[in-house]
C-alpha cells in the first residue's frame, strides 16, 4: 500500500449497539493516524443488505474485511502498519 489517503468503511445500522461499541473502540486506535472512517448505514443503502444483513458491524479497508461484530485490534493495527509503508 502507498502513503495516499487511508479510509476504512464501517457497515452498520444506527440502532445497533455492537456498531456503537466497535466505533468507540476504533476511534482511539486510529486517532492521529491519518485514517478516516466512512460509515454506511445499511438501512439507508439496501444494496448492502444481502452482503451484511444482520452480520454487522463490518469494518473494511477497501475490499478487505478487517473485522465483523467486534473490533479486531490486531487486524486494524496490521492494516495501519501496512498502509503506512
N, C-alpha and C. Protein backbone atom coordinates (compact mmCIF):
# COMPACT_ATOMS: atom_id res chain seq x y z
N UNK A 1 0.84 -1.18 0.00
CA UNK A 1 0.00 0.00 0.00
C UNK A 1 0.88 1.24 0.00
N UNK A 2 0.33 2.33 -0.46
CA UNK A 2 1.13 3.54 -0.53
C UNK A 2 0.66 4.55 0.49
N UNK A 3 1.35 5.69 0.53
CA UNK A 3 1.07 6.69 1.53
C UNK A 3 -0.07 7.63 1.20
N UNK A 4 -1.00 7.25 0.33
CA UNK A 4 -2.14 8.09 -0.01
C UNK A 4 -3.15 8.13 1.13
N UNK A 5 -4.29 8.78 0.87
CA UNK A 5 -5.32 8.84 1.91
C UNK A 5 -5.78 7.44 2.29
N UNK A 6 -6.00 7.27 3.57
CA UNK A 6 -6.43 5.96 4.07
C UNK A 6 -7.85 6.09 4.61
N UNK A 7 -8.70 5.17 4.17
CA UNK A 7 -10.09 5.20 4.60
C UNK A 7 -10.56 3.80 4.94
N UNK A 8 -11.23 3.70 6.07
CA UNK A 8 -11.90 2.47 6.46
C UNK A 8 -13.39 2.67 6.21
N UNK A 9 -14.07 1.59 5.92
CA UNK A 9 -15.52 1.65 5.74
C UNK A 9 -16.16 0.79 6.81
N UNK A 10 -17.11 1.39 7.53
CA UNK A 10 -17.83 0.68 8.57
C UNK A 10 -19.28 0.53 8.14
N UNK A 11 -19.68 -0.72 7.89
CA UNK A 11 -21.07 -1.02 7.56
C UNK A 11 -21.80 -1.24 8.87
N UNK A 12 -22.88 -0.51 9.07
CA UNK A 12 -23.56 -0.51 10.36
C UNK A 12 -25.04 -0.25 10.20
N UNK A 13 -25.72 -0.29 11.32
CA UNK A 13 -27.10 0.17 11.45
C UNK A 13 -27.09 1.13 12.63
N UNK A 14 -27.74 2.25 12.50
CA UNK A 14 -27.70 3.29 13.55
C UNK A 14 -28.22 2.80 14.89
N UNK A 15 -29.12 1.83 14.90
CA UNK A 15 -29.71 1.35 16.15
C UNK A 15 -28.90 0.22 16.79
N UNK A 16 -27.80 -0.17 16.19
CA UNK A 16 -27.03 -1.34 16.60
C UNK A 16 -26.02 -1.00 17.70
N UNK A 17 -26.17 -1.59 18.88
CA UNK A 17 -25.24 -1.30 19.97
C UNK A 17 -23.85 -1.86 19.70
N UNK A 18 -23.73 -2.99 19.00
CA UNK A 18 -22.40 -3.51 18.66
C UNK A 18 -21.67 -2.55 17.73
N UNK A 19 -22.43 -1.90 16.85
CA UNK A 19 -21.83 -0.92 15.94
C UNK A 19 -21.27 0.26 16.74
N UNK A 20 -22.04 0.74 17.70
CA UNK A 20 -21.58 1.83 18.56
C UNK A 20 -20.32 1.43 19.32
N UNK A 21 -20.31 0.21 19.84
CA UNK A 21 -19.15 -0.27 20.61
C UNK A 21 -17.91 -0.40 19.73
N UNK A 22 -18.07 -0.93 18.52
CA UNK A 22 -16.93 -1.07 17.63
C UNK A 22 -16.36 0.30 17.27
N UNK A 23 -17.22 1.24 16.93
CA UNK A 23 -16.76 2.58 16.57
C UNK A 23 -16.06 3.26 17.75
N UNK A 24 -16.60 3.12 18.95
CA UNK A 24 -15.97 3.72 20.13
C UNK A 24 -14.60 3.12 20.40
N UNK A 25 -14.44 1.82 20.18
CA UNK A 25 -13.14 1.17 20.39
C UNK A 25 -12.17 1.49 19.25
N UNK A 26 -12.69 1.72 18.05
CA UNK A 26 -11.84 2.01 16.89
C UNK A 26 -11.24 3.41 16.96
N UNK A 27 -12.01 4.37 17.40
CA UNK A 27 -11.58 5.77 17.36
C UNK A 27 -10.23 6.02 18.02
N UNK A 28 -9.98 5.52 19.24
CA UNK A 28 -8.66 5.76 19.82
C UNK A 28 -7.53 5.04 19.08
N UNK A 29 -7.83 3.92 18.44
CA UNK A 29 -6.82 3.17 17.69
C UNK A 29 -6.32 3.95 16.47
N UNK A 30 -7.23 4.68 15.82
CA UNK A 30 -6.86 5.37 14.59
C UNK A 30 -6.57 6.85 14.80
N UNK A 31 -6.78 7.35 16.03
CA UNK A 31 -6.54 8.76 16.30
C UNK A 31 -5.11 9.14 15.94
N UNK A 32 -4.96 10.20 15.18
CA UNK A 32 -3.64 10.68 14.80
C UNK A 32 -2.95 9.86 13.73
N UNK A 33 -3.65 8.90 13.15
CA UNK A 33 -3.05 8.01 12.15
C UNK A 33 -3.36 8.44 10.71
N UNK A 34 -4.14 9.50 10.54
CA UNK A 34 -4.49 9.94 9.20
C UNK A 34 -5.45 9.01 8.49
N UNK A 35 -6.32 8.39 9.27
CA UNK A 35 -7.29 7.44 8.72
C UNK A 35 -8.69 7.99 8.96
N UNK A 36 -9.50 7.98 7.92
CA UNK A 36 -10.89 8.38 8.07
C UNK A 36 -11.78 7.14 8.07
N UNK A 37 -12.97 7.30 8.62
CA UNK A 37 -13.93 6.20 8.65
C UNK A 37 -15.19 6.66 7.92
N UNK A 38 -15.53 5.93 6.90
CA UNK A 38 -16.77 6.18 6.16
C UNK A 38 -17.81 5.23 6.72
N UNK A 39 -18.88 5.78 7.26
CA UNK A 39 -19.95 4.98 7.84
C UNK A 39 -21.06 4.79 6.82
N UNK A 40 -21.44 3.54 6.58
CA UNK A 40 -22.54 3.24 5.67
C UNK A 40 -23.63 2.52 6.45
N UNK A 41 -24.76 3.20 6.62
CA UNK A 41 -25.91 2.63 7.31
C UNK A 41 -26.67 1.77 6.30
N UNK A 42 -26.66 0.47 6.51
CA UNK A 42 -27.28 -0.41 5.52
C UNK A 42 -28.81 -0.31 5.52
N UNK A 43 -29.38 0.33 6.54
CA UNK A 43 -30.82 0.59 6.49
C UNK A 43 -31.13 1.65 5.44
N UNK A 44 -30.17 2.51 5.14
CA UNK A 44 -30.34 3.56 4.14
C UNK A 44 -29.80 3.16 2.77
N UNK A 45 -29.06 2.07 2.71
CA UNK A 45 -28.44 1.61 1.46
C UNK A 45 -28.73 0.12 1.29
N UNK A 46 -29.92 -0.18 0.80
CA UNK A 46 -30.37 -1.58 0.74
C UNK A 46 -29.51 -2.45 -0.16
N UNK A 47 -28.68 -1.86 -1.01
CA UNK A 47 -27.80 -2.67 -1.85
C UNK A 47 -26.78 -3.47 -1.03
N UNK A 48 -26.59 -3.10 0.23
CA UNK A 48 -25.66 -3.82 1.10
C UNK A 48 -26.35 -4.86 1.98
N UNK A 49 -27.67 -4.93 1.93
CA UNK A 49 -28.43 -5.82 2.79
C UNK A 49 -28.04 -7.29 2.60
N UNK A 50 -27.93 -7.73 1.37
CA UNK A 50 -27.59 -9.14 1.12
C UNK A 50 -26.20 -9.47 1.64
N UNK A 51 -25.27 -8.57 1.48
CA UNK A 51 -23.89 -8.83 1.90
C UNK A 51 -23.73 -8.82 3.41
N UNK A 52 -24.45 -7.93 4.10
CA UNK A 52 -24.21 -7.75 5.53
C UNK A 52 -25.40 -8.08 6.41
N UNK A 53 -26.61 -7.77 5.98
CA UNK A 53 -27.81 -8.11 6.73
C UNK A 53 -27.66 -7.88 8.22
N UNK A 54 -27.77 -8.95 8.98
CA UNK A 54 -27.64 -8.86 10.44
C UNK A 54 -26.20 -9.09 10.91
N UNK A 55 -25.29 -9.26 9.99
CA UNK A 55 -23.89 -9.53 10.33
C UNK A 55 -23.10 -8.23 10.41
N UNK A 56 -23.55 -7.36 11.26
CA UNK A 56 -22.92 -6.06 11.41
C UNK A 56 -22.48 -5.87 12.84
N UNK A 57 -21.58 -5.00 13.11
CA UNK A 57 -20.85 -4.15 12.18
C UNK A 57 -19.78 -4.93 11.42
N UNK A 58 -19.42 -4.40 10.26
CA UNK A 58 -18.33 -4.94 9.46
C UNK A 58 -17.41 -3.78 9.12
N UNK A 59 -16.13 -3.94 9.42
CA UNK A 59 -15.13 -2.91 9.14
C UNK A 59 -14.24 -3.40 8.02
N UNK A 60 -14.13 -2.58 6.97
CA UNK A 60 -13.34 -2.96 5.79
C UNK A 60 -12.32 -1.89 5.45
N UNK A 61 -11.23 -2.35 4.86
CA UNK A 61 -10.23 -1.47 4.25
C UNK A 61 -10.27 -1.82 2.77
N UNK A 62 -10.93 -1.00 1.99
CA UNK A 62 -11.15 -1.36 0.59
C UNK A 62 -12.04 -2.59 0.53
N UNK A 63 -11.60 -3.60 -0.20
CA UNK A 63 -12.34 -4.85 -0.32
C UNK A 63 -12.01 -5.84 0.81
N UNK A 64 -11.04 -5.50 1.62
CA UNK A 64 -10.55 -6.39 2.67
C UNK A 64 -11.35 -6.21 3.96
N UNK A 65 -11.97 -7.28 4.42
CA UNK A 65 -12.70 -7.23 5.68
C UNK A 65 -11.71 -7.36 6.83
N UNK A 66 -11.72 -6.38 7.72
CA UNK A 66 -10.82 -6.41 8.88
C UNK A 66 -11.48 -7.09 10.07
N UNK A 67 -12.76 -6.83 10.28
CA UNK A 67 -13.45 -7.47 11.40
C UNK A 67 -14.95 -7.37 11.23
N UNK A 68 -15.62 -8.22 11.98
CA UNK A 68 -17.08 -8.33 11.93
C UNK A 68 -17.57 -8.54 13.36
N UNK A 69 -18.61 -7.86 13.73
CA UNK A 69 -19.27 -7.95 15.05
C UNK A 69 -18.48 -7.24 16.15
N UNK A 70 -17.22 -7.56 16.33
CA UNK A 70 -16.39 -6.95 17.37
C UNK A 70 -15.10 -6.44 16.74
N UNK A 71 -14.50 -5.44 17.35
CA UNK A 71 -13.24 -4.90 16.84
C UNK A 71 -12.13 -5.92 16.99
N UNK A 72 -11.40 -6.15 15.92
CA UNK A 72 -10.20 -6.98 15.95
C UNK A 72 -9.02 -6.01 15.92
N UNK A 73 -8.53 -5.66 17.11
CA UNK A 73 -7.46 -4.67 17.21
C UNK A 73 -6.23 -5.10 16.43
N UNK A 74 -5.90 -6.37 16.47
CA UNK A 74 -4.72 -6.87 15.77
C UNK A 74 -4.84 -6.64 14.27
N UNK A 75 -6.01 -6.90 13.70
CA UNK A 75 -6.22 -6.71 12.26
C UNK A 75 -6.13 -5.23 11.90
N UNK A 76 -6.69 -4.37 12.73
CA UNK A 76 -6.64 -2.93 12.46
C UNK A 76 -5.20 -2.42 12.58
N UNK A 77 -4.49 -2.86 13.61
CA UNK A 77 -3.08 -2.44 13.75
C UNK A 77 -2.24 -2.92 12.57
N UNK A 78 -2.49 -4.13 12.10
CA UNK A 78 -1.76 -4.65 10.93
C UNK A 78 -2.06 -3.79 9.71
N UNK A 79 -3.32 -3.42 9.52
CA UNK A 79 -3.68 -2.54 8.40
C UNK A 79 -2.96 -1.20 8.53
N UNK A 80 -2.93 -0.63 9.72
CA UNK A 80 -2.28 0.66 9.92
C UNK A 80 -0.79 0.58 9.57
N UNK A 81 -0.13 -0.49 9.98
CA UNK A 81 1.29 -0.66 9.65
C UNK A 81 1.50 -0.85 8.15
N UNK A 82 0.71 -1.71 7.54
CA UNK A 82 0.84 -1.98 6.10
C UNK A 82 0.57 -0.75 5.26
N UNK A 83 -0.44 0.00 5.63
CA UNK A 83 -0.86 1.14 4.81
C UNK A 83 0.04 2.36 5.01
N UNK A 84 0.87 2.33 6.02
CA UNK A 84 1.80 3.42 6.26
C UNK A 84 3.00 3.35 5.33
N UNK A 85 3.32 2.15 4.87
CA UNK A 85 4.51 1.93 4.04
C UNK A 85 4.39 2.57 2.68
